[in-house]
Amino acid sequence: MHRPPSAEPCYLSKSAGEQHWRKKIPRIVCHPALLYRTLVDLFTSQFNGTEMFTRAIYFAYGTVCYVMFLAVFVYAVGFLGNAVVPRTINTGPSASLGMALAIDLALIALFGAQHSIMARPTFKRWWTKIVPQPIERSTYVFATNIVLALLFWQWRPMTGIVWNIESGPIRNAVWGLFIFGWALVFVSTLLLNHFELFGMRQVTLYLLGRPHTHLPFKVPMFYRHVRHPLYVGWIATFWATPTMTAGHLLFSAAMTVYILIAIRLEERNLLEIHGSDYASYRKRVPMLIPLPIRRATSEAAQ
């Protein structure tokens, strides 16, 4: 008896040669049920069901963490820009000066501790005994999202005015610097490898059954002029405001100090990973402020 196409086997056997695929492809494309069964069989021929399910779960988890990051990133723009979002750096629950200082400094310290400790290789070696390696970076991103959300939610504003720029053109220029800072942050992540930085490359490779490899050292675009354009962008977003309040000043100053500390820790790890390549780069290129004289001197010495 002739069987309907949806009941046909996808191919003769799992060990069948490639010539069978040439005969089967037209039927697979024409019959959705056969296409579905073929895809399932392709997956299960490479991975057992449990492993493939785990890979899919890790990928879904990484995707959720990444989408959370995008939401937190957009909220941060409104938080520092003091616009659109329900709670900003200048609006929120009121508190006495002493209480506001204590809470805000504790929130910044919590962010700094989480962001730096979880990024250290020593911590990662211990952490990956608990958290699977493919989702280690996604878990780091998830923790950062939670800590930042807590900061946005519990921040206590201190609204005393430190400076207020009234000139229209100058205010517009400062807002332009604010926007430039956010653009620089985002573009800098793309230059590094945006999806590696936020964990999506790791979970995607794991889903596909491919090994994760460290990316080679490279010096693209802005990184030829300063070693940390990402941090330059962050500092611009912290300080570029036409109306600086006491609470905003506290945030900007504390986060700038944290960045200067984080750079030292990060560069120590980069030297361990990239060795002489990064050591040479660090001698040649300034940290945060472009210095053409230094670069020209270094090139002349070479």
C-alpha atoms as a PDB file:
ATOM      1  CA  MET A   1       0.000   0.000   0.000  1.00  0.00           C
ATOM      2  CA  HIS A   2       1.295   3.448  -0.878  1.00  0.00           C
ATOM      3  CA  ARG A   3       1.973   5.559   2.205  1.00  0.00           C
ATOM      4  CA  PRO A   4       1.199   9.312   2.277  1.00  0.00           C
ATOM      5  CA  PRO A   5       4.245  11.610   2.055  1.00  0.00           C
ATOM      6  CA  SER A   6       3.972  12.636   5.722  1.00  0.00           C
ATOM      7  CA  ALA A   7       4.478   9.013   6.731  1.00  0.00           C
ATOM      8  CA  GLU A   8       7.582   8.402   4.624  1.00  0.00           C
ATOM      9  CA  PRO A   9      10.918   7.971   6.420  1.00  0.00           C
ATOM     10  CA  CYS A  10      13.138  11.034   6.167  1.00  0.00           C
ATOM     11  CA  TYR A  11      15.914   8.955   4.652  1.00  0.00           C
ATOM     12  CA  LEU A  12      16.810   5.292   4.358  1.00  0.00           C
ATOM     13  CA  SER A  13      19.051   5.077   7.402  1.00  0.00           C
ATOM     14  CA  LYS A  14      21.198   7.278   9.608  1.00  0.00           C
ATOM     15  CA  SER A  15      24.259   5.894   7.841  1.00  0.00           C
ATOM     16  CA  ALA A  16      22.933   6.509   4.330  1.00  0.00           C
ATOM     17  CA  GLY A  17      25.207   8.339   1.899  1.00  0.00           C
ATOM     18  CA  GLU A  18      24.858  11.902   0.726  1.00  0.00           C
ATOM     19  CA  GLN A  19      23.309  10.737  -2.563  1.00  0.00           C
ATOM     20  CA  HIS A  20      20.060  10.012  -0.712  1.00  0.00           C
ATOM     21  CA  TRP A  21      19.778  13.659   0.330  1.00  0.00           C
ATOM     22  CA  ARG A  22      19.700  14.744  -3.300  1.00  0.00           C
ATOM     23  CA  LYS A  23      16.668  12.556  -3.816  1.00  0.00           C
ATOM     24  CA  LYS A  24      14.974  13.566  -0.565  1.00  0.00           C
ATOM     25  CA  ILE A  25      15.393  17.355  -0.638  1.00  0.00           C
ATOM     26  CA  PRO A  26      12.513  18.027  -3.080  1.00  0.00           C
ATOM     27  CA  ARG A  27      10.121  15.898  -0.991  1.00  0.00           C
ATOM     28  CA  ILE A  28      11.306  17.482   2.273  1.00  0.00           C
ATOM     29  CA  VAL A  29      10.711  21.003   0.981  1.00  0.00           C
ATOM     30  CA  CYS A  30       7.271  20.150  -0.379  1.00  0.00           C
ATOM     31  CA  HIS A  31       5.944  18.412   2.755  1.00  0.00           C
ATOM     32  CA  PRO A  32       6.078  20.333   6.084  1.00  0.00           C
ATOM     33  CA  ALA A  33       5.632  17.165   8.159  1.00  0.00           C
ATOM     34  CA  LEU A  34       8.590  15.549   6.443  1.00  0.00           C
ATOM     35  CA  LEU A  35      10.649  18.727   6.934  1.00  0.00           C
ATOM     36  CA  TYR A  36       9.850  18.728  10.651  1.00  0.00           C
ATOM     37  CA  ARG A  37      10.774  15.057  11.037  1.00  0.00           C
ATOM     38  CA  THR A  38      14.012  15.586   9.118  1.00  0.00           C
ATOM     39  CA  LEU A  39      15.078  18.505  11.345  1.00  0.00           C
ATOM     40  CA  VAL A  40      14.303  16.518  14.487  1.00  0.00           C
ATOM     41  CA  ASP A  41      16.294  13.576  13.179  1.00  0.00           C
ATOM     42  CA  LEU A  42      19.239  15.810  12.268  1.00  0.00           C
ATOM     43  CA  PHE A  43      19.367  17.153  15.802  1.00  0.00           C
ATOM     44  CA  THR A  44      18.944  13.822  17.506  1.00  0.00           C
ATOM     45  CA  SER A  45      21.543  12.190  15.258  1.00  0.00           C
ATOM     46  CA  GLN A  46      24.150  14.627  16.600  1.00  0.00           C
ATOM     47  CA  PHE A  47      22.964  15.060  20.173  1.00  0.00           C
ATOM     48  CA  ASN A  48      20.822  12.957  22.427  1.00  0.00           C
ATOM     49  CA  GLY A  49      17.510  14.493  23.442  1.00  0.00           C
ATOM     50  CA  THR A  50      18.602  15.548  26.921  1.00  0.00           C
ATOM     51  CA  GLU A  51      21.734  17.298  25.694  1.00  0.00           C
ATOM     52  CA  MET A  52      19.887  19.163  22.959  1.00  0.00           C
ATOM     53  CA  PHE A  53      17.262  20.263  25.455  1.00  0.00           C
ATOM     54  CA  THR A  54      20.014  21.577  27.725  1.00  0.00           C
ATOM     55  CA  ARG A  55      21.593  23.463  24.844  1.00  0.00           C
ATOM     56  CA  ALA A  56      18.238  25.026  23.954  1.00  0.00           C
ATOM     57  CA  ILE A  57      17.598  26.012  27.584  1.00  0.00           C
ATOM     58  CA  TYR A  58      21.030  27.645  27.861  1.00  0.00           C
ATOM     59  CA  PHE A  59      20.427  29.556  24.639  1.00  0.00           C
ATOM     60  CA  ALA A  60      17.005  30.728  25.855  1.00  0.00           C
ATOM     61  CA  TYR A  61      18.519  31.787  29.190  1.00  0.00           C
ATOM     62  CA  GLY A  62      21.290  33.722  27.457  1.00  0.00           C
ATOM     63  CA  THR A  63      18.759  35.416  25.189  1.00  0.00           C
ATOM     64  CA  VAL A  64      16.606  36.477  28.161  1.00  0.00           C
ATOM     65  CA  CYS A  65      19.670  37.916  29.931  1.00  0.00           C
ATOM     66  CA  TYR A  66      20.623  39.819  26.788  1.00  0.00           C
ATOM     67  CA  VAL A  67      17.125  41.264  26.310  1.00  0.00           C
ATOM     68  CA  MET A  68      17.175  42.298  29.979  1.00  0.00           C
ATOM     69  CA  PHE A  69      20.457  44.100  29.334  1.00  0.00           C
ATOM     70  CA  LEU A  70      18.918  46.037  26.447  1.00  0.00           C
ATOM     71  CA  ALA A  71      16.025  47.114  28.672  1.00  0.00           C
ATOM     72  CA  VAL A  72      18.396  48.159  31.482  1.00  0.00           C
ATOM     73  CA  PHE A  73      20.596  50.030  29.006  1.00  0.00           C
ATOM     74  CA  VAL A  74      17.639  52.026  27.665  1.00  0.00           C
ATOM     75  CA  TYR A  75      16.387  52.729  31.206  1.00  0.00           C
ATOM     76  CA  ALA A  76      19.860  53.952  32.201  1.00  0.00           C
ATOM     77  CA  VAL A  77      19.690  56.600  29.470  1.00  0.00           C
ATOM     78  CA  GLY A  78      16.483  57.960  30.983  1.00  0.00           C
ATOM     79  CA  PHE A  79      17.798  57.578  34.537  1.00  0.00           C
ATOM     80  CA  LEU A  80      20.879  59.720  33.937  1.00  0.00           C
ATOM     81  CA  GLY A  81      19.090  62.034  31.512  1.00  0.00           C
ATOM     82  CA  ASN A  82      16.397  62.653  34.118  1.00  0.00           C
ATOM     83  CA  ALA A  83      13.631  62.068  31.585  1.00  0.00           C
ATOM     84  CA  VAL A  84      10.856  59.677  30.530  1.00  0.00           C
ATOM     85  CA  VAL A  85      11.415  56.849  33.041  1.00  0.00           C
ATOM     86  CA  PRO A  86       9.486  56.809  36.368  1.00  0.00           C
ATOM     87  CA  ARG A  87      12.550  57.070  38.618  1.00  0.00           C
ATOM     88  CA  THR A  88      15.625  59.064  37.679  1.00  0.00           C
ATOM     89  CA  ILE A  89      18.769  60.282  39.354  1.00  0.00           C
ATOM     90  CA  ASN A  90      16.872  63.411  40.480  1.00  0.00           C
ATOM     91  CA  THR A  91      13.439  61.907  41.209  1.00  0.00           C
ATOM     92  CA  GLY A  92      12.424  59.144  43.554  1.00  0.00           C
ATOM     93  CA  PRO A  93      11.875  58.420  47.263  1.00  0.00           C
ATOM     94  CA  SER A  94      13.067  61.197  49.545  1.00  0.00           C
ATOM     95  CA  ALA A  95      15.394  60.652  52.491  1.00  0.00           C
ATOM     96  CA  SER A  96      17.521  62.677  54.877  1.00  0.00           C
ATOM     97  CA  LEU A  97      20.948  63.703  53.615  1.00  0.00           C
ATOM     98  CA  GLY A  98      22.742  61.142  55.766  1.00  0.00           C
ATOM     99  CA  MET A  99      20.389  58.325  54.793  1.00  0.00           C
ATOM    100  CA  ALA A 100      20.553  59.252  51.111  1.00  0.00           C
ATOM    101  CA  LEU A 101      24.355  59.246  51.195  1.00  0.00           C
ATOM    102  CA  ALA A 102      24.475  55.876  52.932  1.00  0.00           C
ATOM    103  CA  ILE A 103      21.972  54.207  50.583  1.00  0.00           C
ATOM    104  CA  ASP A 104      23.414  55.642  47.390  1.00  0.00           C
ATOM    105  CA  LEU A 105      27.013  54.808  48.276  1.00  0.00           C
ATOM    106  CA  ALA A 106      25.953  51.287  49.264  1.00  0.00           C
ATOM    107  CA  LEU A 107      24.224  50.821  45.883  1.00  0.00           C
ATOM    108  CA  ILE A 108      27.294  52.034  43.991  1.00  0.00           C
ATOM    109  CA  ALA A 109      29.574  49.815  46.105  1.00  0.00           C
ATOM    110  CA  LEU A 110      27.337  46.818  45.429  1.00  0.00           C
ATOM    111  CA  PHE A 111      27.540  47.464  41.698  1.00  0.00           C
ATOM    112  CA  GLY A 112      31.308  47.873  41.836  1.00  0.00           C
ATOM    113  CA  ALA A 113      31.809  44.688  43.847  1.00  0.00           C
ATOM    114  CA  GLN A 114      29.568  42.579  41.625  1.00  0.00           C
ATOM    115  CA  HIS A 115      30.929  43.990  38.390  1.00  0.00           C
ATOM    116  CA  SER A 116      34.579  43.543  39.324  1.00  0.00           C
ATOM    117  CA  ILE A 117      34.612  40.372  41.412  1.00  0.00           C
ATOM    118  CA  MET A 118      32.546  38.336  38.952  1.00  0.00           C
ATOM    119  CA  ALA A 119      34.826  39.422  36.090  1.00  0.00           C
ATOM    120  CA  ARG A 120      38.043  38.172  37.714  1.00  0.00           C
ATOM    121  CA  PRO A 121      39.550  34.905  36.382  1.00  0.00           C
ATOM    122  CA  THR A 122      40.025  33.531  39.912  1.00  0.00           C
ATOM    123  CA  PHE A 123      36.340  33.960  40.669  1.00  0.00           C
ATOM    124  CA  LYS A 124      35.374  32.518  37.296  1.00  0.00           C
ATOM    125  CA  ARG A 125      37.381  29.357  37.913  1.00  0.00           C
ATOM    126  CA  TRP A 126      35.479  28.812  41.158  1.00  0.00           C
ATOM    127  CA  TRP A 127      32.137  29.998  39.778  1.00  0.00           C
ATOM    128  CA  THR A 128      32.166  27.661  36.783  1.00  0.00           C
ATOM    129  CA  LYS A 129      32.249  24.719  39.173  1.00  0.00           C
ATOM    130  CA  ILE A 130      28.692  25.785  40.046  1.00  0.00           C
ATOM    131  CA  VAL A 131      27.475  27.562  36.907  1.00  0.00           C
ATOM    132  CA  PRO A 132      28.076  25.785  33.560  1.00  0.00           C
ATOM    133  CA  GLN A 133      30.761  27.420  31.444  1.00  0.00           C
ATOM    134  CA  PRO A 134      28.479  28.257  28.451  1.00  0.00           C
ATOM    135  CA  ILE A 135      26.221  30.457  30.603  1.00  0.00           C
ATOM    136  CA  GLU A 136      28.873  31.957  32.889  1.00  0.00           C
ATOM    137  CA  ARG A 137      28.926  35.249  30.969  1.00  0.00           C
ATOM    138  CA  SER A 138      25.138  35.361  30.655  1.00  0.00           C
ATOM    139  CA  THR A 139      24.887  34.885  34.420  1.00  0.00           C
ATOM    140  CA  TYR A 140      27.324  37.765  34.894  1.00  0.00           C
ATOM    141  CA  VAL A 141      25.101  39.918  32.660  1.00  0.00           C
ATOM    142  CA  PHE A 142      22.008  38.780  34.585  1.00  0.00           C
ATOM    143  CA  ALA A 143      23.598  39.735  37.930  1.00  0.00           C
ATOM    144  CA  THR A 144      24.604  43.133  36.539  1.00  0.00           C
ATOM    145  CA  ASN A 145      21.045  43.703  35.336  1.00  0.00           C
ATOM    146  CA  ILE A 146      19.649  42.918  38.781  1.00  0.00           C
ATOM    147  CA  VAL A 147      22.133  45.164  40.588  1.00  0.00           C
ATOM    148  CA  LEU A 148      21.465  48.074  38.217  1.00  0.00           C
ATOM    149  CA  ALA A 149      17.704  47.607  38.473  1.00  0.00           C
ATOM    150  CA  LEU A 150      18.065  47.724  42.259  1.00  0.00           C
ATOM    151  CA  LEU A 151      20.120  50.926  41.968  1.00  0.00           C
ATOM    152  CA  PHE A 152      17.500  52.569  39.734  1.00  0.00           C
ATOM    153  CA  TRP A 153      14.718  51.502  42.095  1.00  0.00           C
ATOM    154  CA  GLN A 154      16.303  52.422  45.421  1.00  0.00           C
ATOM    155  CA  TRP A 155      18.347  55.479  44.481  1.00  0.00           C
ATOM    156  CA  ARG A 156      17.710  58.412  46.812  1.00  0.00           C
ATOM    157  CA  PRO A 157      17.957  61.760  45.009  1.00  0.00           C
ATOM    158  CA  MET A 158      19.788  64.752  46.483  1.00  0.00           C
ATOM    159  CA  THR A 159      18.461  67.701  44.563  1.00  0.00           C
ATOM    160  CA  GLY A 160      20.707  70.543  45.696  1.00  0.00           C
ATOM    161  CA  ILE A 161      21.996  72.345  42.594  1.00  0.00           C
ATOM    162  CA  VAL A 162      25.748  72.228  41.976  1.00  0.00           C
ATOM    163  CA  TRP A 163      25.613  73.905  38.586  1.00  0.00           C
ATOM    164  CA  ASN A 164      22.870  74.907  36.160  1.00  0.00           C
ATOM    165  CA  ILE A 165      23.699  76.001  32.623  1.00  0.00           C
ATOM    166  CA  GLU A 166      21.108  78.482  31.419  1.00  0.00           C
ATOM    167  CA  SER A 167      22.537  79.362  28.022  1.00  0.00           C
ATOM    168  CA  GLY A 168      20.532  77.538  25.369  1.00  0.00           C
ATOM    169  CA  PRO A 169      23.396  76.764  22.953  1.00  0.00           C
ATOM    170  CA  ILE A 170      25.654  75.511  25.757  1.00  0.00           C
ATOM    171  CA  ARG A 171      22.865  73.352  27.214  1.00  0.00           C
ATOM    172  CA  ASN A 172      22.314  71.831  23.779  1.00  0.00           C
ATOM    173  CA  ALA A 173      26.049  71.186  23.427  1.00  0.00           C
ATOM    174  CA  VAL A 174      26.115  69.397  26.790  1.00  0.00           C
ATOM    175  CA  TRP A 175      23.131  67.254  25.818  1.00  0.00           C
ATOM    176  CA  GLY A 176      24.932  66.486  22.579  1.00  0.00           C
ATOM    177  CA  LEU A 177      27.920  65.271  24.596  1.00  0.00           C
ATOM    178  CA  PHE A 178      25.550  63.132  26.678  1.00  0.00           C
ATOM    179  CA  ILE A 179      24.140  61.488  23.540  1.00  0.00           C
ATOM    180  CA  PHE A 180      27.640  61.079  22.109  1.00  0.00           C
ATOM    181  CA  GLY A 181      28.690  59.265  25.273  1.00  0.00           C
ATOM    182  CA  TRP A 182      25.908  56.688  24.959  1.00  0.00           C
ATOM    183  CA  ALA A 183      26.642  56.206  21.271  1.00  0.00           C
ATOM    184  CA  LEU A 184      30.338  55.699  22.044  1.00  0.00           C
ATOM    185  CA  VAL A 185      29.502  53.103  24.701  1.00  0.00           C
ATOM    186  CA  PHE A 186      27.364  51.084  22.316  1.00  0.00           C
ATOM    187  CA  VAL A 187      29.686  51.339  19.314  1.00  0.00           C
ATOM    188  CA  SER A 188      32.679  50.380  21.473  1.00  0.00           C
ATOM    189  CA  THR A 189      30.954  47.130  22.444  1.00  0.00           C
ATOM    190  CA  LEU A 190      30.379  46.377  18.763  1.00  0.00           C
ATOM    191  CA  LEU A 191      34.044  46.962  17.992  1.00  0.00           C
ATOM    192  CA  LEU A 192      35.108  44.536  20.715  1.00  0.00           C
ATOM    193  CA  ASN A 193      32.485  41.873  19.917  1.00  0.00           C
ATOM    194  CA  HIS A 194      29.150  42.902  21.323  1.00  0.00           C
ATOM    195  CA  PHE A 195      27.685  39.405  21.554  1.00  0.00           C
ATOM    196  CA  GLU A 196      30.779  37.930  23.228  1.00  0.00           C
ATOM    197  CA  LEU A 197      30.679  40.718  25.810  1.00  0.00           C
ATOM    198  CA  PHE A 198      27.057  40.010  26.704  1.00  0.00           C
ATOM    199  CA  GLY A 199      27.130  36.221  26.543  1.00  0.00           C
ATOM    200  CA  MET A 200      25.213  35.545  23.330  1.00  0.00           C
ATOM    201  CA  ARG A 201      28.199  34.221  21.386  1.00  0.00           C
ATOM    202  CA  GLN A 202      28.918  31.668  24.107  1.00  0.00           C
ATOM    203  CA  VAL A 203      25.392  30.232  24.257  1.00  0.00           C
ATOM    204  CA  THR A 204      25.041  30.272  20.471  1.00  0.00           C
ATOM    205  CA  LEU A 205      28.240  28.292  19.988  1.00  0.00           C
ATOM    206  CA  TYR A 206      27.103  25.830  22.640  1.00  0.00           C
ATOM    207  CA  LEU A 207      23.722  25.456  20.938  1.00  0.00           C
ATOM    208  CA  LEU A 208      25.477  24.625  17.667  1.00  0.00           C
ATOM    209  CA  GLY A 209      27.854  22.197  19.355  1.00  0.00           C
ATOM    210  CA  ARG A 210      30.932  24.262  18.543  1.00  0.00           C
ATOM    211  CA  PRO A 211      33.780  24.936  20.993  1.00  0.00           C
ATOM    212  CA  HIS A 212      34.187  28.409  22.421  1.00  0.00           C
ATOM    213  CA  THR A 213      37.473  30.069  21.505  1.00  0.00           C
ATOM    214  CA  HIS A 214      38.943  33.299  22.825  1.00  0.00           C
ATOM    215  CA  LEU A 215      38.912  36.141  20.351  1.00  0.00           C
ATOM    216  CA  PRO A 216      42.300  37.352  19.065  1.00  0.00           C
ATOM    217  CA  PHE A 217      43.718  40.653  20.256  1.00  0.00           C
ATOM    218  CA  LYS A 218      42.806  43.485  17.889  1.00  0.00           C
ATOM    219  CA  VAL A 219      42.874  47.284  17.897  1.00  0.00           C
ATOM    220  CA  PRO A 220      39.918  48.589  15.869  1.00  0.00           C
ATOM    221  CA  MET A 221      38.947  52.194  15.262  1.00  0.00           C
ATOM    222  CA  PHE A 222      38.647  54.146  18.574  1.00  0.00           C
ATOM    223  CA  TYR A 223      40.941  51.651  20.288  1.00  0.00           C
ATOM    224  CA  ARG A 224      43.825  53.003  18.215  1.00  0.00           C
ATOM    225  CA  HIS A 225      43.525  56.333  20.042  1.00  0.00           C
ATOM    226  CA  VAL A 226      42.630  55.299  23.613  1.00  0.00           C
ATOM    227  CA  ARG A 227      42.735  51.905  25.295  1.00  0.00           C
ATOM    228  CA  HIS A 228      39.294  52.229  26.850  1.00  0.00           C
ATOM    229  CA  PRO A 229      36.854  54.169  24.644  1.00  0.00           C
ATOM    230  CA  LEU A 230      34.020  52.253  26.321  1.00  0.00           C
ATOM    231  CA  TYR A 231      34.898  53.893  29.632  1.00  0.00           C
ATOM    232  CA  VAL A 232      35.362  57.277  27.958  1.00  0.00           C
ATOM    233  CA  GLY A 233      31.765  56.964  26.802  1.00  0.00           C
ATOM    234  CA  TRP A 234      30.558  56.036  30.275  1.00  0.00           C
ATOM    235  CA  ILE A 235      32.365  58.977  31.868  1.00  0.00           C
ATOM    236  CA  ALA A 236      30.784  61.318  29.315  1.00  0.00           C
ATOM    237  CA  THR A 237      27.305  60.015  30.181  1.00  0.00           C
ATOM    238  CA  PHE A 238      27.984  60.533  33.907  1.00  0.00           C
ATOM    239  CA  TRP A 239      29.201  64.114  33.712  1.00  0.00           C
ATOM    240  CA  ALA A 240      27.451  65.605  30.662  1.00  0.00           C
ATOM    241  CA  THR A 241      24.421  67.249  32.211  1.00  0.00           C
ATOM    242  CA  PRO A 242      23.395  70.923  32.043  1.00  0.00           C
ATOM    243  CA  THR A 243      21.927  70.697  35.563  1.00  0.00           C
ATOM    244  CA  MET A 244      24.147  68.918  38.055  1.00  0.00           C
ATOM    245  CA  THR A 245      22.570  68.043  41.392  1.00  0.00           C
ATOM    246  CA  ALA A 246      24.343  66.832  44.526  1.00  0.00           C
ATOM    247  CA  GLY A 247      23.059  63.283  43.988  1.00  0.00           C
ATOM    248  CA  HIS A 248      24.159  63.272  40.354  1.00  0.00           C
ATOM    249  CA  LEU A 249      27.578  64.592  41.379  1.00  0.00           C
ATOM    250  CA  LEU A 250      27.928  61.808  43.954  1.00  0.00           C
ATOM    251  CA  PHE A 251      27.017  59.203  41.335  1.00  0.00           C
ATOM    252  CA  SER A 252      29.367  60.652  38.708  1.00  0.00           C
ATOM    253  CA  ALA A 253      32.319  60.984  41.057  1.00  0.00           C
ATOM    254  CA  ALA A 254      31.906  57.545  42.627  1.00  0.00           C
ATOM    255  CA  MET A 255      31.432  55.777  39.298  1.00  0.00           C
ATOM    256  CA  THR A 256      34.446  57.559  37.800  1.00  0.00           C
ATOM    257  CA  VAL A 257      36.598  56.413  40.719  1.00  0.00           C
ATOM    258  CA  TYR A 258      35.268  52.891  40.215  1.00  0.00           C
ATOM    259  CA  ILE A 259      36.171  52.993  36.499  1.00  0.00           C
ATOM    260  CA  LEU A 260      39.756  54.039  37.284  1.00  0.00           C
ATOM    261  CA  ILE A 261      40.072  51.114  39.702  1.00  0.00           C
ATOM    262  CA  ALA A 262      38.373  48.701  37.282  1.00  0.00           C
ATOM    263  CA  ILE A 263      40.785  49.646  34.491  1.00  0.00           C
ATOM    264  CA  ARG A 264      43.766  48.579  36.607  1.00  0.00           C
ATOM    265  CA  LEU A 265      42.153  45.226  37.395  1.00  0.00           C
ATOM    266  CA  GLU A 266      41.045  44.678  33.810  1.00  0.00           C
ATOM    267  CA  GLU A 267      44.433  45.498  32.320  1.00  0.00           C
ATOM    268  CA  ARG A 268      46.119  43.060  34.684  1.00  0.00           C
ATOM    269  CA  ASN A 269      43.906  40.316  33.251  1.00  0.00           C
ATOM    270  CA  LEU A 270      44.479  41.493  29.671  1.00  0.00           C
ATOM    271  CA  LEU A 271      48.224  41.260  30.187  1.00  0.00           C
ATOM    272  CA  GLU A 272      47.816  37.680  31.407  1.00  0.00           C
ATOM    273  CA  ILE A 273      45.713  36.761  28.372  1.00  0.00           C
ATOM    274  CA  HIS A 274      47.467  38.673  25.571  1.00  0.00           C
ATOM    275  CA  GLY A 275      50.966  39.030  27.010  1.00  0.00           C
ATOM    276  CA  SER A 276      53.452  41.136  25.049  1.00  0.00           C
ATOM    277  CA  ASP A 277      50.817  42.235  22.505  1.00  0.00           C
ATOM    278  CA  TYR A 278      48.870  44.090  25.179  1.00  0.00           C
ATOM    279  CA  ALA A 279      52.010  45.292  26.964  1.00  0.00           C
ATOM    280  CA  SER A 280      53.163  46.944  23.730  1.00  0.00           C
ATOM    281  CA  TYR A 281      49.695  48.354  23.115  1.00  0.00           C
ATOM    282  CA  ARG A 282      49.563  49.833  26.627  1.00  0.00           C
ATOM    283  CA  LYS A 283      52.899  51.610  26.106  1.00  0.00           C
ATOM    284  CA  ARG A 284      51.820  52.955  22.741  1.00  0.00           C
ATOM    285  CA  VAL A 285      48.227  54.080  23.360  1.00  0.00           C
ATOM    286  CA  PRO A 286      46.960  56.300  26.228  1.00  0.00           C
ATOM    287  CA  MET A 287      44.357  55.029  28.662  1.00  0.00           C
ATOM    288  CA  LEU A 288      41.444  57.495  28.381  1.00  0.00           C
ATOM    289  CA  ILE A 289      42.607  60.800  26.866  1.00  0.00           C
ATOM    290  CA  PRO A 290      44.019  60.842  23.313  1.00  0.00           C
ATOM    291  CA  LEU A 291      47.592  62.122  23.432  1.00  0.00           C
ATOM    292  CA  PRO A 292      49.036  62.512  19.909  1.00  0.00           C
ATOM    293  CA  ILE A 293      52.419  63.552  21.306  1.00  0.00           C
ATOM    294  CA  ARG A 294      52.769  60.323  23.247  1.00  0.00           C
ATOM    295  CA  ARG A 295      51.778  58.247  20.226  1.00  0.00           C
ATOM    296  CA  ALA A 296      54.181  60.088  17.929  1.00  0.00           C
ATOM    297  CA  THR A 297      57.015  59.664  20.444  1.00  0.00           C
ATOM    298  CA  SER A 298      56.297  55.952  20.737  1.00  0.00           C
ATOM    299  CA  GLU A 299      56.247  55.502  16.964  1.00  0.00           C
ATOM    300  CA  ALA A 300      59.536  57.401  16.628  1.00  0.00           C
ATOM    301  CA  ALA A 301      61.143  55.168  19.241  1.00  0.00           C
ATOM    302  CA  GLN A 302      60.118  52.101  17.257  1.00  0.00           C
END
